[in-house]
Amino acid sequence: MAAISLRIGTRKSKMALAQTEEIARRLEAAASDLKVEIVKFETRGDADQTGLLLPHGGKGGAFVAEIREAVIAGKLHAAMHSLKDMPGNEDTPGLVIGATLSRDPPTDALVMRAGVTFEDLKRTRGKGFKIGTNAVRRAAYVRRLFPEIEVIHFRGAADTRVRKLDNGEMQRLADGGEVGPADALIMARSGLERVGLAGRIAHEFKALEMLPAAGQGIVAVECAANDWQTRQYLALIDDPAAHLCADAEREVLWVLNGHCNSPIAGYSTIDGRQMTLTASVLDLEGDRLLEASRIGPADKPRELGRAVAFDLLGKGAAAIIETSRPA
C-alpha cells in the first residue's frame, strides 16, 4: 500500500521545529500508512526581530496567519501552532484544531545573566534591574511582583534571547534605537526545555503567582474543517485532557474579546471529572488585577470558560481591556 503524505506547516525556529517533529513522530507511529512532510515558514514575526508584534496583528498575525493561509489554500494539510499564539477572540472560518498534544509545564521562568540572582531581585524589589519580555501579560505580572523593575522590549527565538542575554547585547528597536542590555528574561519553562536550556532557569513562578497565558504549554495542530481524512489522523494523537483545557481557556478569550495587547491569563486543571479554571485581566502597568476562579464539569469546558469570563466582566474587566486596546 502506498504511503499517504501529510504536509504540516511550521515556523523555522528551533522550538517550533522540535514541536512539529514530535507531532510527525507521533503521527507516523500511530498510522503506518502515513508519511509526514514538514514545511518550514519564515513568518512575519520571525523576519522582524526588532519591532513590536502589534503592527503585525499581534502574535496571531506575526506567527500564525501565513501558515493558516496555506492550509486554507490547500497547500498544507495542517499547521502546528503554540496554542498561546492563536488568537482566541476571533473566528477562523473553515479551520479547526484537530489535535492538541499533552500539555507541557505551562509556567513562566526567569533566566538571569551571570553575576545576579533571584535573591538580588527580591531584595531590591527590582530596582536597578532590566528584565526583558515581549509579552504584555508577563510585563504586567512582573511589575506587580517587583515594583521597581524596568521592563524592556526583548525579541527573538528562545535560544537567541538567551544568547543575547549572556553576551550583554542590546535589543534593537524598530525606530532605530536600542534598549538593554537585559539582566534577566521571563520565558516559558516549556520553551526553554524544548531548546535544551532548562538548566538556565533561575526561578520558576508558580502558576497562580504568574498566571499563564491561555493555552500556554499546549501544542495545537490546525486543519481544514472539511478535511475529514486529516482530522481522522490528527485524532489519533489528540490528548483529550489538553483539548478540554484549551477549550475552557480559549472561551475566556472569546467572551472577553481580548486583543493581542490585553494582559489576559487563563489556566485550567482537571481532577477526575472536575475542572478548575482561573483567569485574570490586568492593566498594562500591573496596578490593577482582576481574577476569577470556578470549578465545573470537565466535560463542559466552554460553559466553565464562559462563566469565569462573565465573572471577570462583572468585576470591570471590559474597561481594563478597552484601555489597553490600540488606538
Protein backbone atom coordinates (compact mmCIF):
# COMPACT_ATOMS: atom_id res chain seq x y z
CA MET A 1 0.00 0.00 0.00
CA ALA A 2 1.36 3.41 -0.98
CA ALA A 3 2.07 5.79 1.90
CA ILE A 4 -0.27 8.75 2.38
CA SER A 5 1.55 12.07 2.59
CA LEU A 6 0.51 14.70 5.10
CA ARG A 7 2.08 18.16 4.88
CA ILE A 8 2.37 20.14 8.13
CA GLY A 9 3.47 23.76 8.17
CA THR A 10 5.52 25.29 10.97
CA ARG A 11 7.77 28.21 11.83
CA LYS A 12 11.51 27.83 11.22
CA SER A 13 12.53 28.43 14.84
CA LYS A 14 14.34 25.68 16.73
CA MET A 15 11.47 25.31 19.20
CA ALA A 16 8.73 25.19 16.55
CA LEU A 17 10.64 22.58 14.56
CA ALA A 18 11.12 20.46 17.68
CA GLN A 19 7.39 20.60 18.36
CA THR A 20 6.49 19.71 14.78
CA GLU A 21 8.98 16.85 14.63
CA GLU A 22 7.32 15.43 17.74
CA ILE A 23 3.93 15.64 16.01
CA ALA A 24 5.37 13.87 12.95
CA ARG A 25 6.85 11.09 15.10
CA ARG A 26 3.54 10.51 16.86
CA LEU A 27 1.51 10.51 13.66
CA GLU A 28 3.79 8.07 11.86
CA ALA A 29 3.85 5.80 14.92
CA ALA A 30 0.05 5.86 15.13
CA ALA A 31 -0.57 5.28 11.40
CA SER A 32 1.81 3.01 9.50
CA ASP A 33 0.47 4.22 6.12
CA LEU A 34 1.32 7.87 6.85
CA LYS A 35 4.39 9.88 5.82
CA VAL A 36 4.62 13.38 7.29
CA GLU A 37 6.36 16.19 5.41
CA ILE A 38 7.34 19.28 7.42
CA VAL A 39 7.11 22.59 5.55
CA LYS A 40 9.04 25.48 7.13
CA PHE A 41 7.80 29.08 7.07
CA GLU A 42 9.59 32.30 7.95
CA THR A 43 6.65 34.24 9.33
CA ARG A 44 6.44 38.00 9.66
CA GLY A 45 7.25 37.72 13.35
CA ASP A 46 10.35 35.67 12.62
CA ALA A 47 11.57 38.03 9.91
CA ASP A 48 11.12 41.15 12.08
CA GLN A 49 13.18 40.67 15.23
CA THR A 50 13.13 44.31 16.36
CA GLY A 51 9.59 45.69 16.25
CA LEU A 52 6.57 45.17 18.43
CA LEU A 53 4.24 42.40 17.32
CA LEU A 54 1.24 44.73 17.41
CA PRO A 55 1.78 46.20 13.90
CA HIS A 56 1.80 42.62 12.55
CA GLY A 57 -1.57 41.92 14.15
CA GLY A 58 -0.12 40.60 17.41
CA LYS A 59 1.13 37.04 17.75
CA GLY A 60 -1.68 35.79 15.53
CA GLY A 61 -0.68 37.99 12.63
CA ALA A 62 3.03 37.59 13.27
CA PHE A 63 3.33 33.83 13.76
CA VAL A 64 0.07 32.18 12.71
CA ALA A 65 -1.61 33.98 9.79
CA GLU A 66 0.69 32.95 6.93
CA ILE A 67 0.67 29.27 7.84
CA ARG A 68 -3.11 29.33 8.28
CA GLU A 69 -3.48 30.88 4.83
CA ALA A 70 -1.53 27.98 3.33
CA VAL A 71 -3.92 25.48 4.97
CA ILE A 72 -6.96 27.38 3.72
CA ALA A 73 -5.45 27.47 0.22
CA GLY A 74 -4.92 23.69 0.26
CA LYS A 75 -1.12 23.93 0.17
CA LEU A 76 -0.87 22.24 3.57
CA HIS A 77 -2.94 19.58 5.29
CA ALA A 78 -2.27 21.04 8.74
CA ALA A 79 -0.36 23.67 10.70
CA MET A 80 1.46 23.47 14.01
CA HIS A 81 0.96 26.34 16.45
CA SER A 82 1.75 27.07 20.04
CA LEU A 83 -1.80 27.45 21.29
CA LYS A 84 -1.00 30.65 23.17
CA ASP A 85 -0.09 32.29 19.82
CA MET A 86 -3.51 31.56 18.31
CA PRO A 87 -5.97 34.46 18.65
CA GLY A 88 -8.90 33.43 20.79
CA ASN A 89 -11.12 36.46 20.25
CA GLU A 90 -11.79 35.87 16.58
CA ASP A 91 -13.18 33.05 14.50
CA THR A 92 -11.28 31.47 11.61
CA PRO A 93 -13.92 30.07 9.27
CA GLY A 94 -13.05 26.72 7.78
CA LEU A 95 -10.36 25.74 10.28
CA VAL A 96 -10.48 23.56 13.40
CA ILE A 97 -7.99 22.36 15.99
CA GLY A 98 -7.66 18.71 15.03
CA ALA A 99 -5.30 17.74 17.84
CA THR A 100 -3.61 19.02 20.95
CA LEU A 101 -0.58 17.28 22.41
CA SER A 102 -0.43 16.57 26.14
CA ARG A 103 0.30 19.78 27.98
CA ASP A 104 3.88 20.72 28.81
CA PRO A 105 4.51 22.68 32.02
CA PRO A 106 2.63 25.97 31.48
CA THR A 107 4.60 28.09 33.92
CA ASP A 108 6.87 31.07 33.33
CA ALA A 109 10.50 31.15 34.42
CA LEU A 110 13.34 33.60 34.99
CA VAL A 111 16.66 33.30 33.19
CA MET A 112 19.36 35.57 34.64
CA ARG A 113 22.72 36.79 33.45
CA ALA A 114 25.87 35.70 35.25
CA GLY A 115 26.51 37.59 38.48
CA VAL A 116 22.90 38.23 39.53
CA THR A 117 20.49 36.01 41.41
CA PHE A 118 16.80 35.76 42.12
CA GLU A 119 17.55 36.75 45.72
CA ASP A 120 19.07 40.00 44.41
CA LEU A 121 15.89 40.68 42.50
CA LYS A 122 13.67 40.07 45.54
CA ARG A 123 15.88 42.09 47.89
CA THR A 124 15.88 45.17 45.66
CA ARG A 125 12.23 44.84 44.50
CA GLY A 126 13.79 45.00 41.03
CA LYS A 127 15.43 48.40 41.47
CA GLY A 128 18.30 48.75 39.00
CA PHE A 129 17.28 45.63 37.06
CA LYS A 130 16.25 45.47 33.41
CA ILE A 131 14.06 42.48 32.59
CA GLY A 132 13.28 41.53 29.01
CA THR A 133 10.00 40.28 27.58
CA ASN A 134 7.70 40.92 24.65
CA ALA A 135 4.57 39.65 26.43
CA VAL A 136 2.29 42.29 27.94
CA ARG A 137 0.93 39.70 30.40
CA ARG A 138 4.39 38.83 31.72
CA ALA A 139 5.32 42.51 31.89
CA ALA A 140 2.21 43.35 33.93
CA TYR A 141 2.75 40.48 36.37
CA VAL A 142 6.45 41.16 36.89
CA ARG A 143 5.71 44.83 37.63
CA ARG A 144 3.37 43.65 40.39
CA LEU A 145 5.96 41.29 41.82
CA PHE A 146 8.93 43.70 41.56
CA PRO A 147 7.56 47.27 41.58
CA GLU A 148 10.94 48.96 40.98
CA ILE A 149 11.92 46.90 37.94
CA GLU A 150 12.41 48.26 34.41
CA VAL A 151 10.73 46.11 31.74
CA ILE A 152 12.33 46.31 28.30
CA HIS A 153 11.15 45.07 24.92
CA PHE A 154 13.05 41.88 24.04
CA ARG A 155 12.53 39.72 20.95
CA GLY A 156 13.86 36.58 19.33
CA ALA A 157 13.62 32.81 19.41
CA ALA A 158 14.17 31.27 22.85
CA ASP A 159 17.79 30.30 22.25
CA THR A 160 18.52 33.64 20.57
CA ARG A 161 17.17 35.61 23.55
CA VAL A 162 19.33 33.66 26.00
CA ARG A 163 22.40 34.21 23.81
CA LYS A 164 21.73 37.97 23.70
CA LEU A 165 21.32 37.98 27.49
CA ASP A 166 24.61 36.15 28.05
CA ASN A 167 26.52 38.35 25.61
CA GLY A 168 25.13 41.57 27.06
CA GLU A 169 23.71 42.52 23.67
CA MET A 170 21.37 45.45 23.21
CA GLN A 171 17.90 44.86 21.76
CA ARG A 172 17.41 46.81 18.55
CA LEU A 173 14.10 48.61 18.17
CA ALA A 174 12.09 49.27 15.02
CA ASP A 175 12.73 53.04 15.26
CA GLY A 176 16.49 52.51 15.14
CA GLY A 177 17.02 52.86 18.88
CA GLU A 178 18.24 50.26 21.34
CA VAL A 179 17.39 49.09 24.85
CA GLY A 180 19.28 46.94 27.30
CA PRO A 181 21.30 45.02 27.96
CA ALA A 182 18.95 42.84 29.98
CA ASP A 183 19.75 41.45 33.43
CA ALA A 184 17.09 38.76 33.20
CA LEU A 185 14.41 37.37 30.90
CA ILE A 186 10.95 35.97 31.57
CA MET A 187 10.30 32.96 29.35
CA ALA A 188 8.09 29.90 29.16
CA ARG A 189 9.57 26.94 31.01
CA SER A 190 8.37 24.58 28.28
CA GLY A 191 10.11 26.62 25.58
CA LEU A 192 13.40 26.53 27.47
CA GLU A 193 13.07 22.78 27.88
CA ARG A 194 12.41 22.24 24.17
CA VAL A 195 15.62 24.04 23.16
CA GLY A 196 17.74 22.33 25.83
CA LEU A 197 18.06 25.34 28.15
CA ALA A 198 16.08 24.18 31.19
CA GLY A 199 19.30 24.32 33.20
CA ARG A 200 19.28 28.11 32.87
CA ILE A 201 16.09 28.53 34.89
CA ALA A 202 16.92 30.61 37.98
CA HIS A 203 13.35 30.71 39.29
CA GLU A 204 10.06 29.18 38.19
CA PHE A 205 6.92 31.12 39.02
CA LYS A 206 4.02 29.12 40.41
CA ALA A 207 1.03 29.03 38.06
CA LEU A 208 -1.15 31.05 40.43
CA GLU A 209 1.70 33.51 41.12
CA MET A 210 2.10 34.46 37.47
CA LEU A 211 -0.97 33.04 35.76
CA PRO A 212 -0.03 31.56 32.35
CA ALA A 213 -1.37 32.74 29.03
CA ALA A 214 -4.44 30.85 27.80
CA GLY A 215 -3.17 27.68 26.16
CA GLN A 216 0.43 28.08 27.32
CA GLY A 217 2.28 24.77 27.14
CA ILE A 218 -0.15 23.26 24.63
CA VAL A 219 0.85 22.43 21.06
CA ALA A 220 -2.10 22.59 18.66
CA VAL A 221 -2.46 21.17 15.17
CA GLU A 222 -4.94 23.03 12.99
CA CYS A 223 -6.52 21.74 9.78
CA ALA A 224 -9.41 22.40 7.41
CA ALA A 225 -12.78 21.64 8.99
CA ASN A 226 -13.93 19.65 5.93
CA ASP A 227 -10.70 17.65 5.54
CA TRP A 228 -12.02 14.54 7.25
CA GLN A 229 -9.07 12.33 6.37
CA THR A 230 -6.61 14.68 8.06
CA ARG A 231 -8.93 15.08 11.02
CA GLN A 232 -9.05 11.29 11.43
CA TYR A 233 -5.27 11.08 11.51
CA LEU A 234 -4.92 14.00 13.94
CA ALA A 235 -7.49 12.45 16.27
CA LEU A 236 -5.04 9.58 16.79
CA ILE A 237 -2.60 11.86 18.65
CA ASP A 238 -5.10 14.15 20.38
CA ASP A 239 -4.82 14.43 24.16
CA PRO A 240 -8.40 14.77 25.46
CA ALA A 241 -7.46 16.49 28.73
CA ALA A 242 -5.33 19.12 26.99
CA HIS A 243 -8.09 19.68 24.45
CA LEU A 244 -10.66 20.26 27.21
CA CYS A 245 -8.34 22.74 28.93
CA ALA A 246 -7.71 24.51 25.63
CA ASP A 247 -11.46 24.89 25.04
CA ALA A 248 -12.05 26.33 28.52
CA GLU A 249 -9.19 28.83 28.40
CA ARG A 250 -9.91 29.99 24.85
CA GLU A 251 -13.57 30.53 25.72
CA VAL A 252 -12.41 33.15 28.23
CA LEU A 253 -10.58 35.00 25.44
CA TRP A 254 -13.61 34.74 23.18
CA VAL A 255 -16.07 36.16 25.71
CA LEU A 256 -13.72 38.93 26.87
CA ASN A 257 -12.89 39.83 23.26
CA GLY A 258 -9.33 40.18 24.39
CA HIS A 259 -6.97 41.55 21.77
CA CYS A 260 -3.25 40.95 21.33
CA ASN A 261 -2.31 43.87 23.61
CA SER A 262 -4.52 42.71 26.51
CA PRO A 263 -2.80 41.25 29.60
CA ILE A 264 -5.21 38.32 29.95
CA ALA A 265 -4.32 34.99 31.55
CA GLY A 266 -6.14 31.70 31.99
CA TYR A 267 -5.20 28.31 33.37
CA SER A 268 -7.25 25.17 33.96
CA THR A 269 -6.59 21.82 35.57
CA ILE A 270 -8.60 18.58 35.63
CA ASP A 271 -9.06 16.35 38.64
CA GLY A 272 -11.23 13.37 37.88
CA ARG A 273 -14.44 14.70 36.38
CA GLN A 274 -13.94 18.24 37.66
CA MET A 275 -12.14 21.15 36.04
CA THR A 276 -10.81 24.19 37.89
CA LEU A 277 -10.35 27.32 35.79
CA THR A 278 -8.72 30.55 36.95
CA ALA A 279 -8.43 33.61 34.72
CA SER A 280 -7.25 37.18 35.19
CA VAL A 281 -7.18 40.57 33.50
CA LEU A 282 -4.51 43.17 34.31
CA ASP A 283 -3.82 46.70 33.21
CA LEU A 284 -0.57 47.24 31.31
CA GLU A 285 1.32 48.56 34.35
CA GLY A 286 0.14 45.74 36.60
CA ASP A 287 -1.51 48.16 39.03
CA ARG A 288 -4.93 46.51 38.72
CA LEU A 289 -5.54 42.77 38.79
CA LEU A 290 -8.95 41.16 38.42
CA GLU A 291 -9.18 37.42 38.99
CA ALA A 292 -11.96 34.85 38.90
CA SER A 293 -11.98 31.11 39.52
CA ARG A 294 -14.63 28.39 39.26
CA ILE A 295 -14.96 24.62 39.38
CA GLY A 296 -17.23 22.77 36.97
CA PRO A 297 -17.70 19.55 35.00
CA ALA A 298 -14.61 18.76 32.93
CA ASP A 299 -16.79 17.69 30.01
CA LYS A 300 -18.32 21.18 29.74
CA PRO A 301 -15.21 23.35 29.33
CA ARG A 302 -16.76 26.11 27.25
CA GLU A 303 -19.55 26.60 29.74
CA LEU A 304 -16.98 26.93 32.53
CA GLY A 305 -14.86 29.34 30.49
CA ARG A 306 -17.92 31.44 29.76
CA ALA A 307 -18.90 31.61 33.44
CA VAL A 308 -15.40 32.68 34.52
CA ALA A 309 -15.25 35.31 31.78
CA PHE A 310 -18.61 36.74 32.85
CA ASP A 311 -17.34 36.89 36.44
CA LEU A 312 -14.42 38.99 35.20
CA LEU A 313 -16.72 41.24 33.19
CA GLY A 314 -18.81 41.74 36.31
CA LYS A 315 -15.69 42.95 38.11
CA GLY A 316 -14.90 45.55 35.43
CA ALA A 317 -12.64 43.64 33.02
CA ALA A 318 -14.10 45.27 29.91
CA ALA A 319 -12.90 48.73 30.94
CA ILE A 320 -9.36 47.49 31.60
CA ILE A 321 -9.23 45.66 28.27
CA GLU A 322 -10.51 48.74 26.45
CA THR A 323 -7.78 50.97 27.93
CA SER A 324 -5.12 48.62 26.53
CA ARG A 325 -6.72 48.45 23.08
CA PRO A 326 -4.57 50.05 20.33
CA ALA A 327 -5.76 53.46 19.19
